């Protein structure tokens, strides 16, 4: 393959987006996550990327490619709560094309301004992700079993 062909292939495999938090970032097109159902309240955002917060941080940013101002702070559920394994409905499993595989679960975090110690995780609406197909959706679970604002930090 010629040098020009490699450069063209590299250009086609990456996409540069502008974000309000990170400025211009180059992303691999094969890393784009497609929401099968948009987040409630954000009907025009269906494409996201998962961006690490930092090299030693357990947190990630779920950054919209459709809205440069929209990004959720998330954490892998297994990092925060290793036993958190909610039962997803058959419709969600079908929508994500899981075919019997377990999805990765991400918890959306709420961080009050200036009070990171009061951070909460949304256990009621995890983001379920099929990492092989790069498909995701926010699963809505039973509110009698899961909390919307589970405290991340406790005195214990």
C-alpha atoms as a PDB file:
ATOM      1  CA  UNK A   1       0.000   0.000   0.000  1.00  0.00           C
ATOM      2  CA  UNK A   2       1.369   3.429  -0.907  1.00  0.00           C
ATOM      3  CA  UNK A   3       1.979   6.163   1.642  1.00  0.00           C
ATOM      4  CA  UNK A   4      -0.873   8.219   0.153  1.00  0.00           C
ATOM      5  CA  UNK A   5      -3.230   5.229   0.417  1.00  0.00           C
ATOM      6  CA  UNK A   6      -2.290   4.713   4.084  1.00  0.00           C
ATOM      7  CA  UNK A   7      -2.890   8.409   4.826  1.00  0.00           C
ATOM      8  CA  UNK A   8      -6.285   8.273   3.091  1.00  0.00           C
ATOM      9  CA  UNK A   9      -7.224   5.123   5.009  1.00  0.00           C
ATOM     10  CA  UNK A  10      -6.149   6.772   8.293  1.00  0.00           C
ATOM     11  CA  UNK A  11      -8.233   9.865   7.482  1.00  0.00           C
ATOM     12  CA  UNK A  12     -11.269   7.728   6.722  1.00  0.00           C
ATOM     13  CA  UNK A  13     -10.886   5.725   9.928  1.00  0.00           C
ATOM     14  CA  UNK A  14     -10.727   8.798  12.177  1.00  0.00           C
ATOM     15  CA  UNK A  15     -13.106  11.651  12.756  1.00  0.00           C
ATOM     16  CA  UNK A  16     -12.323  14.977  14.398  1.00  0.00           C
ATOM     17  CA  UNK A  17     -15.060  16.449  16.562  1.00  0.00           C
ATOM     18  CA  UNK A  18     -15.252  19.662  18.530  1.00  0.00           C
ATOM     19  CA  UNK A  19     -16.414  19.418  22.128  1.00  0.00           C
ATOM     20  CA  UNK A  20     -17.047  22.081  24.744  1.00  0.00           C
ATOM     21  CA  UNK A  21     -14.926  20.278  27.376  1.00  0.00           C
ATOM     22  CA  UNK A  22     -12.048  18.822  25.374  1.00  0.00           C
ATOM     23  CA  UNK A  23     -11.832  21.040  22.284  1.00  0.00           C
ATOM     24  CA  UNK A  24     -11.073  19.234  19.037  1.00  0.00           C
ATOM     25  CA  UNK A  25     -10.484  15.524  19.492  1.00  0.00           C
ATOM     26  CA  UNK A  26      -9.700  12.841  16.930  1.00  0.00           C
ATOM     27  CA  UNK A  27     -11.559   9.589  17.400  1.00  0.00           C
ATOM     28  CA  UNK A  28     -11.491   6.237  15.690  1.00  0.00           C
ATOM     29  CA  UNK A  29     -14.727   5.670  13.798  1.00  0.00           C
ATOM     30  CA  UNK A  30     -14.784   2.072  15.045  1.00  0.00           C
ATOM     31  CA  UNK A  31     -14.990   3.375  18.643  1.00  0.00           C
ATOM     32  CA  UNK A  32     -18.298   5.180  18.086  1.00  0.00           C
ATOM     33  CA  UNK A  33     -21.100   3.903  20.301  1.00  0.00           C
ATOM     34  CA  UNK A  34     -24.593   4.106  18.824  1.00  0.00           C
ATOM     35  CA  UNK A  35     -27.488   4.542  21.216  1.00  0.00           C
ATOM     36  CA  UNK A  36     -30.285   2.281  20.036  1.00  0.00           C
ATOM     37  CA  UNK A  37     -32.705   4.512  21.940  1.00  0.00           C
ATOM     38  CA  UNK A  38     -31.644   8.077  22.782  1.00  0.00           C
ATOM     39  CA  UNK A  39     -31.265   9.163  26.383  1.00  0.00           C
ATOM     40  CA  UNK A  40     -34.504  10.652  27.746  1.00  0.00           C
ATOM     41  CA  UNK A  41     -34.374  14.391  27.136  1.00  0.00           C
ATOM     42  CA  UNK A  42     -31.671  14.144  24.448  1.00  0.00           C
ATOM     43  CA  UNK A  43     -33.479  12.834  21.346  1.00  0.00           C
ATOM     44  CA  UNK A  44     -30.930  14.226  18.880  1.00  0.00           C
ATOM     45  CA  UNK A  45     -27.866  12.567  20.444  1.00  0.00           C
ATOM     46  CA  UNK A  46     -27.375   9.003  19.297  1.00  0.00           C
ATOM     47  CA  UNK A  47     -23.613   8.762  18.721  1.00  0.00           C
ATOM     48  CA  UNK A  48     -21.128   8.777  21.614  1.00  0.00           C
ATOM     49  CA  UNK A  49     -17.559   7.930  22.468  1.00  0.00           C
ATOM     50  CA  UNK A  50     -16.183   6.727  25.772  1.00  0.00           C
ATOM     51  CA  UNK A  51     -13.221   8.874  26.788  1.00  0.00           C
ATOM     52  CA  UNK A  52     -11.064   8.189  29.880  1.00  0.00           C
ATOM     53  CA  UNK A  53     -11.058  10.971  32.464  1.00  0.00           C
ATOM     54  CA  UNK A  54      -7.379  10.421  33.141  1.00  0.00           C
ATOM     55  CA  UNK A  55      -4.714   7.702  33.189  1.00  0.00           C
ATOM     56  CA  UNK A  56      -5.287   6.673  36.821  1.00  0.00           C
ATOM     57  CA  UNK A  57      -8.973   7.583  37.082  1.00  0.00           C
ATOM     58  CA  UNK A  58     -11.817   5.044  37.220  1.00  0.00           C
ATOM     59  CA  UNK A  59     -14.098   7.623  35.575  1.00  0.00           C
ATOM     60  CA  UNK A  60     -14.932   8.106  31.905  1.00  0.00           C
ATOM     61  CA  UNK A  61     -16.747  10.700  29.854  1.00  0.00           C
ATOM     62  CA  UNK A  62     -19.556   9.493  27.603  1.00  0.00           C
ATOM     63  CA  UNK A  63     -19.230  12.309  25.059  1.00  0.00           C
ATOM     64  CA  UNK A  64     -21.912  12.972  22.457  1.00  0.00           C
ATOM     65  CA  UNK A  65     -20.744  13.356  18.862  1.00  0.00           C
ATOM     66  CA  UNK A  66     -24.038  15.032  17.993  1.00  0.00           C
ATOM     67  CA  UNK A  67     -24.004  17.724  20.694  1.00  0.00           C
ATOM     68  CA  UNK A  68     -20.607  19.183  21.666  1.00  0.00           C
ATOM     69  CA  UNK A  69     -22.001  20.286  25.061  1.00  0.00           C
ATOM     70  CA  UNK A  70     -23.393  16.884  26.092  1.00  0.00           C
ATOM     71  CA  UNK A  71     -21.179  14.532  28.088  1.00  0.00           C
ATOM     72  CA  UNK A  72     -21.983  12.266  31.012  1.00  0.00           C
ATOM     73  CA  UNK A  73     -19.478  11.299  33.689  1.00  0.00           C
ATOM     74  CA  UNK A  74     -19.711   7.504  34.038  1.00  0.00           C
ATOM     75  CA  UNK A  75     -17.986   4.682  35.841  1.00  0.00           C
ATOM     76  CA  UNK A  76     -18.055   0.968  35.002  1.00  0.00           C
ATOM     77  CA  UNK A  77     -20.563  -0.590  37.380  1.00  0.00           C
ATOM     78  CA  UNK A  78     -18.161  -3.430  38.219  1.00  0.00           C
ATOM     79  CA  UNK A  79     -15.600  -0.894  39.460  1.00  0.00           C
ATOM     80  CA  UNK A  80     -18.028   0.649  41.922  1.00  0.00           C
ATOM     81  CA  UNK A  81     -20.315  -2.276  42.776  1.00  0.00           C
ATOM     82  CA  UNK A  82     -18.909  -5.685  41.750  1.00  0.00           C
ATOM     83  CA  UNK A  83     -22.187  -7.440  42.692  1.00  0.00           C
ATOM     84  CA  UNK A  84     -24.435  -5.081  40.698  1.00  0.00           C
ATOM     85  CA  UNK A  85     -25.947  -7.322  38.029  1.00  0.00           C
ATOM     86  CA  UNK A  86     -29.497  -6.191  37.333  1.00  0.00           C
ATOM     87  CA  UNK A  87     -31.719  -8.294  35.129  1.00  0.00           C
ATOM     88  CA  UNK A  88     -32.266  -6.550  31.832  1.00  0.00           C
ATOM     89  CA  UNK A  89     -35.437  -7.206  29.914  1.00  0.00           C
ATOM     90  CA  UNK A  90     -35.562  -9.351  26.798  1.00  0.00           C
ATOM     91  CA  UNK A  91     -36.387  -6.245  24.743  1.00  0.00           C
ATOM     92  CA  UNK A  92     -33.157  -4.539  25.893  1.00  0.00           C
ATOM     93  CA  UNK A  93     -31.091  -7.668  25.217  1.00  0.00           C
ATOM     94  CA  UNK A  94     -32.622  -7.919  21.728  1.00  0.00           C
ATOM     95  CA  UNK A  95     -32.156  -4.193  21.053  1.00  0.00           C
ATOM     96  CA  UNK A  96     -28.453  -4.463  21.923  1.00  0.00           C
ATOM     97  CA  UNK A  97     -28.051  -7.715  19.944  1.00  0.00           C
ATOM     98  CA  UNK A  98     -26.454  -9.368  22.973  1.00  0.00           C
ATOM     99  CA  UNK A  99     -27.266 -12.932  21.868  1.00  0.00           C
ATOM    100  CA  UNK A 100     -26.757 -14.290  25.388  1.00  0.00           C
ATOM    101  CA  UNK A 101     -23.663 -12.244  26.224  1.00  0.00           C
ATOM    102  CA  UNK A 102     -23.618 -10.013  29.284  1.00  0.00           C
ATOM    103  CA  UNK A 103     -23.463  -6.285  28.550  1.00  0.00           C
ATOM    104  CA  UNK A 104     -20.981  -3.884  30.059  1.00  0.00           C
ATOM    105  CA  UNK A 105     -22.801  -1.601  32.478  1.00  0.00           C
ATOM    106  CA  UNK A 106     -21.899   2.031  33.031  1.00  0.00           C
ATOM    107  CA  UNK A 107     -23.337   4.121  35.836  1.00  0.00           C
ATOM    108  CA  UNK A 108     -24.055   7.786  35.195  1.00  0.00           C
ATOM    109  CA  UNK A 109     -22.702   9.959  37.989  1.00  0.00           C
ATOM    110  CA  UNK A 110     -24.098  13.185  39.372  1.00  0.00           C
ATOM    111  CA  UNK A 111     -21.491  15.446  40.946  1.00  0.00           C
ATOM    112  CA  UNK A 112     -22.842  18.507  42.772  1.00  0.00           C
ATOM    113  CA  UNK A 113     -20.780  21.619  41.917  1.00  0.00           C
ATOM    114  CA  UNK A 114     -17.951  22.011  44.407  1.00  0.00           C
ATOM    115  CA  UNK A 115     -19.026  18.921  46.375  1.00  0.00           C
ATOM    116  CA  UNK A 116     -17.495  15.831  44.761  1.00  0.00           C
ATOM    117  CA  UNK A 117     -17.822  13.990  48.091  1.00  0.00           C
ATOM    118  CA  UNK A 118     -21.629  14.061  47.537  1.00  0.00           C
ATOM    119  CA  UNK A 119     -21.357  12.273  44.185  1.00  0.00           C
ATOM    120  CA  UNK A 120     -24.150   9.799  43.421  1.00  0.00           C
ATOM    121  CA  UNK A 121     -24.510   6.965  40.919  1.00  0.00           C
ATOM    122  CA  UNK A 122     -27.687   6.210  39.004  1.00  0.00           C
ATOM    123  CA  UNK A 123     -28.369   2.516  39.698  1.00  0.00           C
ATOM    124  CA  UNK A 124     -31.912   2.839  38.350  1.00  0.00           C
ATOM    125  CA  UNK A 125     -30.846   3.694  34.795  1.00  0.00           C
ATOM    126  CA  UNK A 126     -27.493   2.111  33.894  1.00  0.00           C
ATOM    127  CA  UNK A 127     -26.116   2.418  30.394  1.00  0.00           C
ATOM    128  CA  UNK A 128     -26.011  -1.105  28.966  1.00  0.00           C
ATOM    129  CA  UNK A 129     -23.353  -1.540  26.286  1.00  0.00           C
ATOM    130  CA  UNK A 130     -22.666  -4.307  23.820  1.00  0.00           C
ATOM    131  CA  UNK A 131     -18.907  -3.690  23.391  1.00  0.00           C
ATOM    132  CA  UNK A 132     -18.580  -5.934  20.320  1.00  0.00           C
ATOM    133  CA  UNK A 133     -21.362  -4.239  18.331  1.00  0.00           C
ATOM    134  CA  UNK A 134     -20.832  -0.778  19.923  1.00  0.00           C
ATOM    135  CA  UNK A 135     -24.557  -0.532  20.699  1.00  0.00           C
ATOM    136  CA  UNK A 136     -25.898   0.955  23.924  1.00  0.00           C
ATOM    137  CA  UNK A 137     -29.067   2.087  25.630  1.00  0.00           C
ATOM    138  CA  UNK A 138     -30.090   3.331  29.027  1.00  0.00           C
ATOM    139  CA  UNK A 139     -31.878   0.481  30.749  1.00  0.00           C
ATOM    140  CA  UNK A 140     -34.699   1.567  33.038  1.00  0.00           C
ATOM    141  CA  UNK A 141     -34.980  -0.753  36.026  1.00  0.00           C
ATOM    142  CA  UNK A 142     -37.451  -1.319  38.847  1.00  0.00           C
ATOM    143  CA  UNK A 143     -37.403   1.745  41.177  1.00  0.00           C
ATOM    144  CA  UNK A 144     -38.363  -0.454  44.121  1.00  0.00           C
ATOM    145  CA  UNK A 145     -35.064  -2.351  43.682  1.00  0.00           C
ATOM    146  CA  UNK A 146     -32.568   0.324  42.560  1.00  0.00           C
ATOM    147  CA  UNK A 147     -31.736   3.886  43.554  1.00  0.00           C
ATOM    148  CA  UNK A 148     -31.548   6.919  41.323  1.00  0.00           C
ATOM    149  CA  UNK A 149     -29.012   8.636  43.599  1.00  0.00           C
ATOM    150  CA  UNK A 150     -26.867   6.000  45.305  1.00  0.00           C
ATOM    151  CA  UNK A 151     -24.098   7.705  47.330  1.00  0.00           C
ATOM    152  CA  UNK A 152     -20.666   6.853  45.927  1.00  0.00           C
ATOM    153  CA  UNK A 153     -18.814   7.941  49.072  1.00  0.00           C
ATOM    154  CA  UNK A 154     -20.008   6.968  52.526  1.00  0.00           C
ATOM    155  CA  UNK A 155     -18.608   7.308  56.025  1.00  0.00           C
ATOM    156  CA  UNK A 156     -18.085   3.542  56.156  1.00  0.00           C
END
